[in-house]
């Protein structure tokens, strides 16, 4: 599945969770808890995709990111993205966001174990613990 795209201008970071707002809404459209994730610069920024970074689960291959969003009709759905690409307005803003996100990422060993088991079940891959 292709990564989800967003802009930091429409997001907030609080208590280890990214909340994203597509417009000036009071309620977030979605949330991304920062558990067991990694962050890195986009491998090849190009043209309009400058100042990008990616959030992903590097510990578990095919590990989806625990997240949820609301649909247009207000229903809450679980996200199924392997990666989120986020774009800042400037290099300084990107550095500030990546620093804050890195400081907010937490480790949950139980979640890693569950993701590895799901990987084995869904992809029939042996797991090394």
Protein backbone atom coordinates (compact mmCIF):
# COMPACT_ATOMS: atom_id res chain seq x y z
CA UNK A 1 0.00 0.00 0.00
CA UNK A 2 1.33 3.49 -0.79
CA UNK A 3 2.26 5.68 2.17
CA UNK A 4 -0.16 8.21 3.55
CA UNK A 5 0.87 11.84 3.00
CA UNK A 6 0.39 14.78 5.31
CA UNK A 7 1.70 18.23 6.13
CA UNK A 8 2.96 19.20 9.56
CA UNK A 9 0.97 22.45 9.34
CA UNK A 10 -2.16 20.35 9.84
CA UNK A 11 -0.84 18.38 12.79
CA UNK A 12 -0.27 18.56 16.51
CA UNK A 13 1.93 16.44 18.75
CA UNK A 14 0.83 15.75 22.32
CA UNK A 15 1.49 12.96 24.81
CA UNK A 16 3.17 10.67 22.29
CA UNK A 17 0.44 10.98 19.64
CA UNK A 18 0.28 12.90 16.36
CA UNK A 19 -3.15 14.40 15.74
CA UNK A 20 -3.82 15.57 12.21
CA UNK A 21 -6.36 18.10 11.07
CA UNK A 22 -7.10 18.55 7.35
CA UNK A 23 -8.67 21.98 7.93
CA UNK A 24 -9.29 24.30 10.86
CA UNK A 25 -11.55 21.69 12.49
CA UNK A 26 -11.68 21.34 16.27
CA UNK A 27 -11.64 17.54 16.13
CA UNK A 28 -8.73 15.66 14.55
CA UNK A 29 -9.34 13.64 11.40
CA UNK A 30 -6.88 11.03 12.61
CA UNK A 31 -4.30 10.01 15.17
CA UNK A 32 -0.97 8.20 15.04
CA UNK A 33 0.26 6.88 18.41
CA UNK A 34 4.07 6.97 18.39
CA UNK A 35 4.68 3.44 19.70
CA UNK A 36 7.47 1.27 18.28
CA UNK A 37 8.02 3.54 15.31
CA UNK A 38 11.06 4.98 13.60
CA UNK A 39 11.51 8.26 11.79
CA UNK A 40 13.85 9.09 8.92
CA UNK A 41 14.30 11.60 6.12
CA UNK A 42 12.61 10.67 2.85
CA UNK A 43 15.18 8.80 0.75
CA UNK A 44 14.87 10.98 -2.35
CA UNK A 45 13.10 14.29 -1.84
CA UNK A 46 12.07 15.74 -5.17
CA UNK A 47 10.39 18.87 -6.48
CA UNK A 48 7.40 19.70 -4.33
CA UNK A 49 8.28 16.93 -1.84
CA UNK A 50 11.09 18.86 -0.13
CA UNK A 51 11.44 18.80 3.66
CA UNK A 52 9.85 15.33 3.91
CA UNK A 53 10.28 12.70 6.56
CA UNK A 54 8.78 9.25 7.03
CA UNK A 55 7.33 7.48 10.03
CA UNK A 56 7.37 3.69 9.85
CA UNK A 57 7.77 0.47 11.77
CA UNK A 58 11.29 -0.74 10.98
CA UNK A 59 11.31 -3.50 13.60
CA UNK A 60 8.57 -5.60 11.98
CA UNK A 61 8.52 -6.16 8.22
CA UNK A 62 5.01 -5.55 6.86
CA UNK A 63 4.09 -4.05 10.24
CA UNK A 64 1.25 -1.60 9.89
CA UNK A 65 1.29 1.52 11.99
CA UNK A 66 -1.30 1.60 14.73
CA UNK A 67 -3.48 4.58 13.78
CA UNK A 68 -7.09 5.55 13.15
CA UNK A 69 -9.01 8.20 11.25
CA UNK A 70 -12.55 9.38 10.71
CA UNK A 71 -14.26 9.05 7.36
CA UNK A 72 -16.35 11.74 5.68
CA UNK A 73 -19.50 10.37 7.30
CA UNK A 74 -17.96 10.40 10.79
CA UNK A 75 -17.11 6.70 11.15
CA UNK A 76 -13.88 5.77 12.90
CA UNK A 77 -11.68 3.33 10.97
CA UNK A 78 -8.37 1.70 11.80
CA UNK A 79 -5.51 2.77 9.56
CA UNK A 80 -3.55 0.17 7.63
CA UNK A 81 -0.53 2.10 6.39
CA UNK A 82 3.01 0.79 6.51
CA UNK A 83 4.40 4.32 6.37
CA UNK A 84 3.40 7.96 6.70
CA UNK A 85 5.23 10.62 4.69
CA UNK A 86 4.98 14.05 6.19
CA UNK A 87 6.10 17.33 4.63
CA UNK A 88 7.18 20.45 6.48
CA UNK A 89 7.18 23.98 5.08
CA UNK A 90 10.92 24.47 5.67
CA UNK A 91 14.07 22.63 6.71
CA UNK A 92 13.90 24.27 10.14
CA UNK A 93 10.29 23.13 10.66
CA UNK A 94 11.22 19.60 9.56
CA UNK A 95 14.11 19.49 12.04
CA UNK A 96 11.87 20.74 14.85
CA UNK A 97 9.17 18.16 14.12
CA UNK A 98 11.54 15.21 13.71
CA UNK A 99 13.29 16.14 16.97
CA UNK A 100 9.97 16.34 18.84
CA UNK A 101 8.67 13.11 17.29
CA UNK A 102 11.88 11.19 18.11
CA UNK A 103 11.61 12.38 21.72
CA UNK A 104 7.96 11.22 21.84
CA UNK A 105 8.41 7.71 20.41
CA UNK A 106 7.90 5.03 23.04
CA UNK A 107 8.68 1.31 23.03
CA UNK A 108 6.03 -1.28 23.80
CA UNK A 109 7.52 -4.81 23.81
CA UNK A 110 4.07 -6.45 23.86
CA UNK A 111 3.06 -4.60 20.69
CA UNK A 112 6.25 -5.81 18.96
CA UNK A 113 5.48 -9.42 19.90
CA UNK A 114 1.90 -9.12 18.62
CA UNK A 115 3.05 -7.54 15.36
CA UNK A 116 5.58 -10.31 14.81
CA UNK A 117 2.91 -12.96 15.40
CA UNK A 118 0.57 -11.20 12.97
CA UNK A 119 3.38 -11.13 10.43
CA UNK A 120 3.79 -14.88 10.77
CA UNK A 121 0.07 -15.53 10.42
CA UNK A 122 -0.57 -13.16 7.51
CA UNK A 123 2.64 -13.71 5.58
CA UNK A 124 3.56 -17.23 6.70
CA UNK A 125 7.01 -16.02 7.69
CA UNK A 126 9.05 -17.68 10.43
CA UNK A 127 9.70 -15.39 13.38
CA UNK A 128 12.91 -15.02 15.34
CA UNK A 129 12.35 -13.77 18.86
